Amino acid sequence: MVCIYCGGSTRVTNSRSQKRSNATWRRRSCEKCSAVCTTIEVIDLSTAIIVTGSKRPSPFSRDKLLVSIYDSCKHQKDAQTSATLLTDTIIKHLYPLIEDASVSSRTIRDITLKTLGRFDTVAGVHYGAYHPVKA
């Protein structure tokens, strides 16, 4: 990585994994000007591809997942907050399952269904009804 101040090369002096957000925090020091900066590195799922059985592959959309979860949680008072936090949790569970920059739609469905079922049974049943397993 290059220094944001002078463009020189930097070295990592401290690094920590963020368990909740699946990010990596790094403290960097410039070898040229000795400036110190902090970076937070996260995986960009927008470049991942969703592989379906019959259709063409499509790009992963966090918003599409959020809307489907929100629809399942509409009966709750804080549906928007719950849907946002559940989406982040589901994405965190998807990170280790991404192979060759792709993930199957069935994997996304199964993880979402499992997470929603643990959070709220009604939301899990609703999601399962509107997102059936396709043979």
N, C-alpha and C. Protein backbone atom coordinates (compact mmCIF):
# COMPACT_ATOMS: atom_id res chain seq x y z
N MET A 1 0.85 -1.17 0.00
CA MET A 1 0.00 0.00 0.00
C MET A 1 0.89 1.23 0.00
N VAL A 2 0.41 2.28 -0.61
CA VAL A 2 1.18 3.52 -0.68
C VAL A 2 0.71 4.50 0.38
N CYS A 3 1.61 5.37 0.80
CA CYS A 3 1.31 6.39 1.81
C CYS A 3 0.33 7.41 1.24
N ILE A 4 -0.65 7.79 2.03
CA ILE A 4 -1.65 8.76 1.58
C ILE A 4 -1.09 10.19 1.57
N TYR A 5 0.06 10.38 2.22
CA TYR A 5 0.65 11.72 2.29
C TYR A 5 1.72 11.96 1.25
N CYS A 6 2.63 10.98 1.05
CA CYS A 6 3.74 11.22 0.13
C CYS A 6 3.80 10.22 -1.02
N GLY A 7 3.04 9.13 -0.97
CA GLY A 7 3.04 8.14 -2.03
C GLY A 7 4.12 7.07 -1.88
N GLY A 8 4.88 7.13 -0.79
CA GLY A 8 5.90 6.12 -0.54
C GLY A 8 5.26 4.81 -0.09
N SER A 9 6.06 3.76 -0.02
CA SER A 9 5.53 2.47 0.41
C SER A 9 5.37 2.43 1.94
N THR A 10 4.39 1.66 2.39
CA THR A 10 4.12 1.55 3.82
C THR A 10 4.34 0.13 4.28
N ARG A 11 4.52 -0.01 5.58
CA ARG A 11 4.63 -1.34 6.18
C ARG A 11 3.62 -1.41 7.32
N VAL A 12 3.13 -2.62 7.56
CA VAL A 12 2.14 -2.84 8.61
C VAL A 12 2.88 -2.95 9.95
N THR A 13 2.46 -2.13 10.92
CA THR A 13 3.09 -2.19 12.24
C THR A 13 2.21 -2.88 13.27
N ASN A 14 0.90 -2.94 13.00
CA ASN A 14 -0.04 -3.59 13.90
C ASN A 14 -1.25 -4.03 13.08
N SER A 15 -1.79 -5.20 13.39
CA SER A 15 -2.92 -5.73 12.64
C SER A 15 -3.82 -6.51 13.57
N ARG A 16 -5.15 -6.32 13.43
CA ARG A 16 -6.11 -7.03 14.27
C ARG A 16 -7.35 -7.38 13.45
N SER A 17 -7.86 -8.59 13.67
CA SER A 17 -9.10 -9.00 13.02
C SER A 17 -10.29 -8.48 13.82
N GLN A 18 -11.30 -8.01 13.12
CA GLN A 18 -12.52 -7.55 13.75
C GLN A 18 -13.54 -8.66 13.62
N LYS A 19 -13.87 -9.32 14.71
CA LYS A 19 -14.75 -10.49 14.66
C LYS A 19 -16.16 -10.14 14.23
N ARG A 20 -16.68 -9.05 14.69
CA ARG A 20 -18.08 -8.72 14.39
C ARG A 20 -18.30 -8.28 12.95
N SER A 21 -17.38 -7.54 12.39
CA SER A 21 -17.60 -7.01 11.05
C SER A 21 -16.82 -7.74 9.98
N ASN A 22 -16.06 -8.75 10.34
CA ASN A 22 -15.27 -9.52 9.39
C ASN A 22 -14.33 -8.62 8.61
N ALA A 23 -13.72 -7.69 9.30
CA ALA A 23 -12.77 -6.76 8.70
C ALA A 23 -11.42 -6.92 9.39
N THR A 24 -10.41 -6.34 8.79
CA THR A 24 -9.08 -6.35 9.38
C THR A 24 -8.62 -4.90 9.57
N TRP A 25 -8.27 -4.56 10.79
CA TRP A 25 -7.76 -3.24 11.14
C TRP A 25 -6.25 -3.28 11.06
N ARG A 26 -5.63 -2.32 10.37
CA ARG A 26 -4.17 -2.30 10.26
C ARG A 26 -3.63 -0.91 10.52
N ARG A 27 -2.56 -0.84 11.28
CA ARG A 27 -1.82 0.41 11.48
C ARG A 27 -0.63 0.34 10.54
N ARG A 28 -0.45 1.37 9.72
CA ARG A 28 0.63 1.39 8.73
C ARG A 28 1.54 2.58 8.97
N SER A 29 2.82 2.38 8.66
CA SER A 29 3.82 3.42 8.82
C SER A 29 4.55 3.60 7.50
N CYS A 30 4.69 4.83 7.07
CA CYS A 30 5.37 5.12 5.81
C CYS A 30 6.88 5.01 6.02
N GLU A 31 7.55 4.33 5.11
CA GLU A 31 8.99 4.17 5.20
C GLU A 31 9.73 5.41 4.74
N LYS A 32 9.04 6.29 4.01
CA LYS A 32 9.68 7.49 3.47
C LYS A 32 9.51 8.70 4.39
N CYS A 33 8.25 9.00 4.77
CA CYS A 33 7.99 10.21 5.57
C CYS A 33 7.64 9.91 7.03
N SER A 34 7.57 8.65 7.40
CA SER A 34 7.26 8.19 8.76
C SER A 34 5.85 8.53 9.23
N ALA A 35 4.97 8.88 8.32
CA ALA A 35 3.58 9.15 8.69
C ALA A 35 2.91 7.84 9.08
N VAL A 36 1.92 7.93 9.97
CA VAL A 36 1.19 6.75 10.43
C VAL A 36 -0.26 6.91 10.01
N CYS A 37 -0.85 5.85 9.47
CA CYS A 37 -2.26 5.87 9.12
C CYS A 37 -2.88 4.52 9.47
N THR A 38 -4.19 4.51 9.54
CA THR A 38 -4.92 3.29 9.88
C THR A 38 -5.83 2.93 8.71
N THR A 39 -5.89 1.64 8.40
CA THR A 39 -6.78 1.17 7.35
C THR A 39 -7.69 0.08 7.92
N ILE A 40 -8.86 -0.02 7.36
CA ILE A 40 -9.78 -1.10 7.68
C ILE A 40 -10.09 -1.80 6.36
N GLU A 41 -9.77 -3.07 6.30
CA GLU A 41 -9.93 -3.82 5.07
C GLU A 41 -11.09 -4.81 5.21
N VAL A 42 -12.00 -4.77 4.24
CA VAL A 42 -13.14 -5.67 4.24
C VAL A 42 -13.26 -6.33 2.87
N ILE A 43 -13.91 -7.47 2.84
CA ILE A 43 -14.16 -8.16 1.58
C ILE A 43 -15.32 -7.48 0.88
N ASP A 44 -15.16 -7.24 -0.41
CA ASP A 44 -16.21 -6.61 -1.19
C ASP A 44 -17.03 -7.69 -1.88
N LEU A 45 -18.22 -7.95 -1.34
CA LEU A 45 -19.06 -9.01 -1.90
C LEU A 45 -19.75 -8.60 -3.20
N SER A 46 -19.69 -7.32 -3.55
CA SER A 46 -20.36 -6.90 -4.78
C SER A 46 -19.69 -7.50 -6.02
N THR A 47 -18.45 -8.01 -5.86
CA THR A 47 -17.78 -8.65 -6.98
C THR A 47 -18.05 -10.15 -7.02
N ALA A 48 -18.72 -10.67 -6.00
CA ALA A 48 -19.04 -12.10 -5.97
C ALA A 48 -20.21 -12.39 -6.92
N ILE A 49 -20.24 -13.60 -7.40
CA ILE A 49 -21.27 -14.03 -8.34
C ILE A 49 -22.17 -15.05 -7.67
N ILE A 50 -23.47 -14.92 -7.89
CA ILE A 50 -24.43 -15.89 -7.39
C ILE A 50 -24.69 -16.89 -8.50
N VAL A 51 -24.47 -18.15 -8.21
CA VAL A 51 -24.68 -19.20 -9.20
C VAL A 51 -26.01 -19.87 -8.89
N THR A 52 -26.88 -19.88 -9.89
CA THR A 52 -28.18 -20.54 -9.74
C THR A 52 -28.22 -21.74 -10.66
N GLY A 53 -29.16 -22.62 -10.43
CA GLY A 53 -29.24 -23.84 -11.22
C GLY A 53 -29.64 -23.62 -12.66
N SER A 54 -30.63 -22.78 -12.91
CA SER A 54 -31.16 -22.66 -14.26
C SER A 54 -30.82 -21.33 -14.94
N LYS A 55 -30.70 -20.28 -14.18
CA LYS A 55 -30.45 -18.96 -14.76
C LYS A 55 -28.96 -18.70 -14.94
N ARG A 56 -28.68 -17.59 -15.58
CA ARG A 56 -27.29 -17.15 -15.70
C ARG A 56 -26.80 -16.65 -14.34
N PRO A 57 -25.50 -16.69 -14.12
CA PRO A 57 -24.96 -16.13 -12.87
C PRO A 57 -25.26 -14.63 -12.79
N SER A 58 -25.48 -14.15 -11.57
CA SER A 58 -25.76 -12.74 -11.37
C SER A 58 -24.91 -12.21 -10.22
N PRO A 59 -24.65 -10.90 -10.19
CA PRO A 59 -23.83 -10.35 -9.11
C PRO A 59 -24.58 -10.37 -7.77
N PHE A 60 -23.83 -10.51 -6.70
CA PHE A 60 -24.43 -10.50 -5.36
C PHE A 60 -24.90 -9.09 -5.06
N SER A 61 -26.08 -8.98 -4.47
CA SER A 61 -26.63 -7.68 -4.10
C SER A 61 -27.05 -7.71 -2.62
N ARG A 62 -26.35 -6.94 -1.81
CA ARG A 62 -26.69 -6.85 -0.39
C ARG A 62 -28.09 -6.27 -0.23
N ASP A 63 -28.43 -5.31 -1.07
CA ASP A 63 -29.74 -4.68 -0.97
C ASP A 63 -30.88 -5.66 -1.24
N LYS A 64 -30.69 -6.54 -2.20
CA LYS A 64 -31.72 -7.54 -2.51
C LYS A 64 -31.93 -8.47 -1.32
N LEU A 65 -30.83 -8.88 -0.68
CA LEU A 65 -30.91 -9.72 0.50
C LEU A 65 -31.60 -8.97 1.64
N LEU A 66 -31.24 -7.71 1.83
CA LEU A 66 -31.83 -6.89 2.89
C LEU A 66 -33.35 -6.75 2.71
N VAL A 67 -33.79 -6.52 1.49
CA VAL A 67 -35.22 -6.36 1.23
C VAL A 67 -35.97 -7.65 1.52
N SER A 68 -35.41 -8.79 1.12
CA SER A 68 -36.10 -10.06 1.37
C SER A 68 -36.18 -10.36 2.87
N ILE A 69 -35.15 -9.99 3.61
CA ILE A 69 -35.17 -10.18 5.07
C ILE A 69 -36.15 -9.20 5.71
N TYR A 70 -36.15 -7.97 5.23
CA TYR A 70 -37.09 -6.97 5.76
C TYR A 70 -38.54 -7.43 5.55
N ASP A 71 -38.84 -7.98 4.39
CA ASP A 71 -40.19 -8.47 4.13
C ASP A 71 -40.59 -9.56 5.11
N SER A 72 -39.63 -10.37 5.52
CA SER A 72 -39.91 -11.45 6.47
C SER A 72 -40.04 -10.95 7.90
N CYS A 73 -39.49 -9.78 8.18
CA CYS A 73 -39.49 -9.23 9.55
C CYS A 73 -40.48 -8.08 9.72
N LYS A 74 -41.36 -7.86 8.75
CA LYS A 74 -42.29 -6.72 8.81
C LYS A 74 -43.18 -6.72 10.04
N HIS A 75 -43.44 -7.87 10.61
CA HIS A 75 -44.34 -7.96 11.75
C HIS A 75 -43.71 -7.43 13.04
N GLN A 76 -42.42 -7.16 13.03
CA GLN A 76 -41.76 -6.67 14.22
C GLN A 76 -41.78 -5.14 14.28
N LYS A 77 -41.67 -4.61 15.49
CA LYS A 77 -41.68 -3.16 15.66
C LYS A 77 -40.44 -2.52 15.04
N ASP A 78 -39.30 -3.13 15.23
CA ASP A 78 -38.04 -2.59 14.72
C ASP A 78 -37.54 -3.40 13.52
N ALA A 79 -38.39 -3.57 12.53
CA ALA A 79 -38.09 -4.43 11.38
C ALA A 79 -36.87 -3.95 10.60
N GLN A 80 -36.73 -2.66 10.43
CA GLN A 80 -35.61 -2.14 9.65
C GLN A 80 -34.27 -2.41 10.34
N THR A 81 -34.22 -2.15 11.63
CA THR A 81 -32.99 -2.40 12.39
C THR A 81 -32.67 -3.88 12.41
N SER A 82 -33.67 -4.70 12.67
CA SER A 82 -33.47 -6.15 12.70
C SER A 82 -32.98 -6.66 11.35
N ALA A 83 -33.60 -6.21 10.28
CA ALA A 83 -33.22 -6.66 8.94
C ALA A 83 -31.78 -6.27 8.62
N THR A 84 -31.39 -5.07 8.99
CA THR A 84 -30.02 -4.62 8.74
C THR A 84 -29.00 -5.47 9.49
N LEU A 85 -29.26 -5.70 10.76
CA LEU A 85 -28.34 -6.50 11.57
C LEU A 85 -28.31 -7.97 11.11
N LEU A 86 -29.47 -8.50 10.76
CA LEU A 86 -29.53 -9.88 10.26
C LEU A 86 -28.78 -10.02 8.93
N THR A 87 -28.90 -9.03 8.07
CA THR A 87 -28.19 -9.05 6.79
C THR A 87 -26.68 -9.07 7.03
N ASP A 88 -26.20 -8.25 7.95
CA ASP A 88 -24.77 -8.24 8.27
C ASP A 88 -24.32 -9.59 8.81
N THR A 89 -25.14 -10.21 9.65
CA THR A 89 -24.81 -11.53 10.21
C THR A 89 -24.75 -12.58 9.11
N ILE A 90 -25.71 -12.56 8.22
CA ILE A 90 -25.74 -13.54 7.13
C ILE A 90 -24.54 -13.37 6.21
N ILE A 91 -24.20 -12.15 5.90
CA ILE A 91 -23.04 -11.90 5.04
C ILE A 91 -21.76 -12.37 5.73
N LYS A 92 -21.69 -12.18 7.04
CA LYS A 92 -20.52 -12.66 7.79
C LYS A 92 -20.39 -14.18 7.68
N HIS A 93 -21.51 -14.88 7.70
CA HIS A 93 -21.50 -16.34 7.56
C HIS A 93 -21.20 -16.78 6.13
N LEU A 94 -21.45 -15.91 5.15
CA LEU A 94 -21.18 -16.24 3.76
C LEU A 94 -19.71 -16.13 3.39
N TYR A 95 -18.96 -15.25 4.05
CA TYR A 95 -17.55 -15.02 3.69
C TYR A 95 -16.74 -16.30 3.55
N PRO A 96 -16.77 -17.20 4.55
CA PRO A 96 -15.93 -18.40 4.40
C PRO A 96 -16.43 -19.38 3.35
N LEU A 97 -17.64 -19.21 2.87
CA LEU A 97 -18.21 -20.16 1.91
C LEU A 97 -18.03 -19.74 0.46
N ILE A 98 -17.46 -18.58 0.23
CA ILE A 98 -17.26 -18.10 -1.13
C ILE A 98 -16.05 -18.81 -1.73
N GLU A 99 -16.27 -19.49 -2.83
CA GLU A 99 -15.21 -20.20 -3.54
C GLU A 99 -15.13 -19.67 -4.96
N ASP A 100 -13.94 -19.34 -5.40
CA ASP A 100 -13.73 -18.82 -6.76
C ASP A 100 -14.62 -17.61 -7.04
N ALA A 101 -14.78 -16.76 -6.05
CA ALA A 101 -15.58 -15.53 -6.16
C ALA A 101 -17.04 -15.81 -6.49
N SER A 102 -17.54 -16.98 -6.09
CA SER A 102 -18.95 -17.27 -6.34
C SER A 102 -19.55 -18.02 -5.15
N VAL A 103 -20.86 -17.89 -5.05
CA VAL A 103 -21.62 -18.58 -4.00
C VAL A 103 -22.95 -18.99 -4.62
N SER A 104 -23.46 -20.14 -4.22
CA SER A 104 -24.72 -20.60 -4.82
C SER A 104 -25.91 -19.92 -4.14
N SER A 105 -26.97 -19.76 -4.90
CA SER A 105 -28.18 -19.15 -4.35
C SER A 105 -28.76 -20.04 -3.26
N ARG A 106 -28.58 -21.33 -3.40
CA ARG A 106 -29.08 -22.27 -2.38
C ARG A 106 -28.34 -22.07 -1.05
N THR A 107 -27.04 -21.83 -1.11
CA THR A 107 -26.26 -21.58 0.11
C THR A 107 -26.75 -20.31 0.80
N ILE A 108 -26.99 -19.27 0.02
CA ILE A 108 -27.50 -18.02 0.58
C ILE A 108 -28.85 -18.26 1.23
N ARG A 109 -29.72 -18.98 0.54
CA ARG A 109 -31.05 -19.29 1.08
C ARG A 109 -30.95 -20.08 2.37
N ASP A 110 -30.11 -21.12 2.39
CA ASP A 110 -30.00 -21.97 3.58
C ASP A 110 -29.47 -21.21 4.79
N ILE A 111 -28.46 -20.39 4.58
CA ILE A 111 -27.90 -19.61 5.70
C ILE A 111 -28.91 -18.57 6.18
N THR A 112 -29.59 -17.93 5.24
CA THR A 112 -30.60 -16.93 5.62
C THR A 112 -31.74 -17.58 6.40
N LEU A 113 -32.20 -18.71 5.92
CA LEU A 113 -33.28 -19.43 6.59
C LEU A 113 -32.88 -19.87 8.00
N LYS A 114 -31.69 -20.38 8.13
CA LYS A 114 -31.18 -20.82 9.44
C LYS A 114 -31.05 -19.63 10.41
N THR A 115 -30.50 -18.53 9.93
CA THR A 115 -30.31 -17.35 10.77
C THR A 115 -31.65 -16.75 11.17
N LEU A 116 -32.57 -16.62 10.21
CA LEU A 116 -33.90 -16.07 10.53
C LEU A 116 -34.66 -16.98 11.48
N GLY A 117 -34.54 -18.30 11.28
CA GLY A 117 -35.22 -19.25 12.17
C GLY A 117 -34.76 -19.14 13.60
N ARG A 118 -33.47 -18.90 13.78
CA ARG A 118 -32.94 -18.73 15.14
C ARG A 118 -33.39 -17.40 15.75
N PHE A 119 -33.50 -16.38 14.91
CA PHE A 119 -33.87 -15.06 15.40
C PHE A 119 -35.36 -14.96 15.69
N ASP A 120 -36.17 -15.43 14.74
CA ASP A 120 -37.62 -15.31 14.86
C ASP A 120 -38.26 -16.39 13.99
N THR A 121 -38.98 -17.29 14.61
CA THR A 121 -39.57 -18.43 13.90
C THR A 121 -40.53 -17.97 12.79
N VAL A 122 -41.33 -16.96 13.08
CA VAL A 122 -42.30 -16.47 12.09
C VAL A 122 -41.56 -15.92 10.86
N ALA A 123 -40.49 -15.18 11.10
CA ALA A 123 -39.71 -14.62 9.98
C ALA A 123 -39.08 -15.75 9.17
N GLY A 124 -38.60 -16.79 9.85
CA GLY A 124 -38.01 -17.93 9.16
C GLY A 124 -39.01 -18.66 8.29
N VAL A 125 -40.22 -18.87 8.82
CA VAL A 125 -41.27 -19.54 8.05
C VAL A 125 -41.68 -18.69 6.85
N HIS A 126 -41.80 -17.39 7.05
CA HIS A 126 -42.17 -16.48 5.97
C HIS A 126 -41.11 -16.52 4.87
N TYR A 127 -39.85 -16.44 5.25
CA TYR A 127 -38.77 -16.46 4.27
C TYR A 127 -38.77 -17.79 3.50
N GLY A 128 -38.93 -18.90 4.22
CA GLY A 128 -38.96 -20.21 3.58
C GLY A 128 -40.11 -20.37 2.60
N ALA A 129 -41.25 -19.74 2.91
CA ALA A 129 -42.41 -19.83 2.03
C ALA A 129 -42.20 -19.06 0.73
N TYR A 130 -41.51 -17.93 0.80
CA TYR A 130 -41.31 -17.11 -0.38
C TYR A 130 -40.01 -17.42 -1.11
N HIS A 131 -39.16 -18.24 -0.51
CA HIS A 131 -37.90 -18.63 -1.15
C HIS A 131 -37.74 -20.15 -1.06
N PRO A 132 -38.58 -20.88 -1.80
CA PRO A 132 -38.54 -22.35 -1.71
C PRO A 132 -37.28 -22.92 -2.36
N VAL A 133 -36.96 -24.16 -1.99
CA VAL A 133 -35.84 -24.85 -2.60
C VAL A 133 -36.23 -25.25 -4.01
N LYS A 134 -35.39 -24.90 -4.96
CA LYS A 134 -35.67 -25.24 -6.35
C LYS A 134 -34.86 -26.46 -6.71
N ALA A 135 -35.52 -27.45 -7.25
CA ALA A 135 -34.83 -28.70 -7.60
C ALA A 135 -34.06 -28.59 -8.87
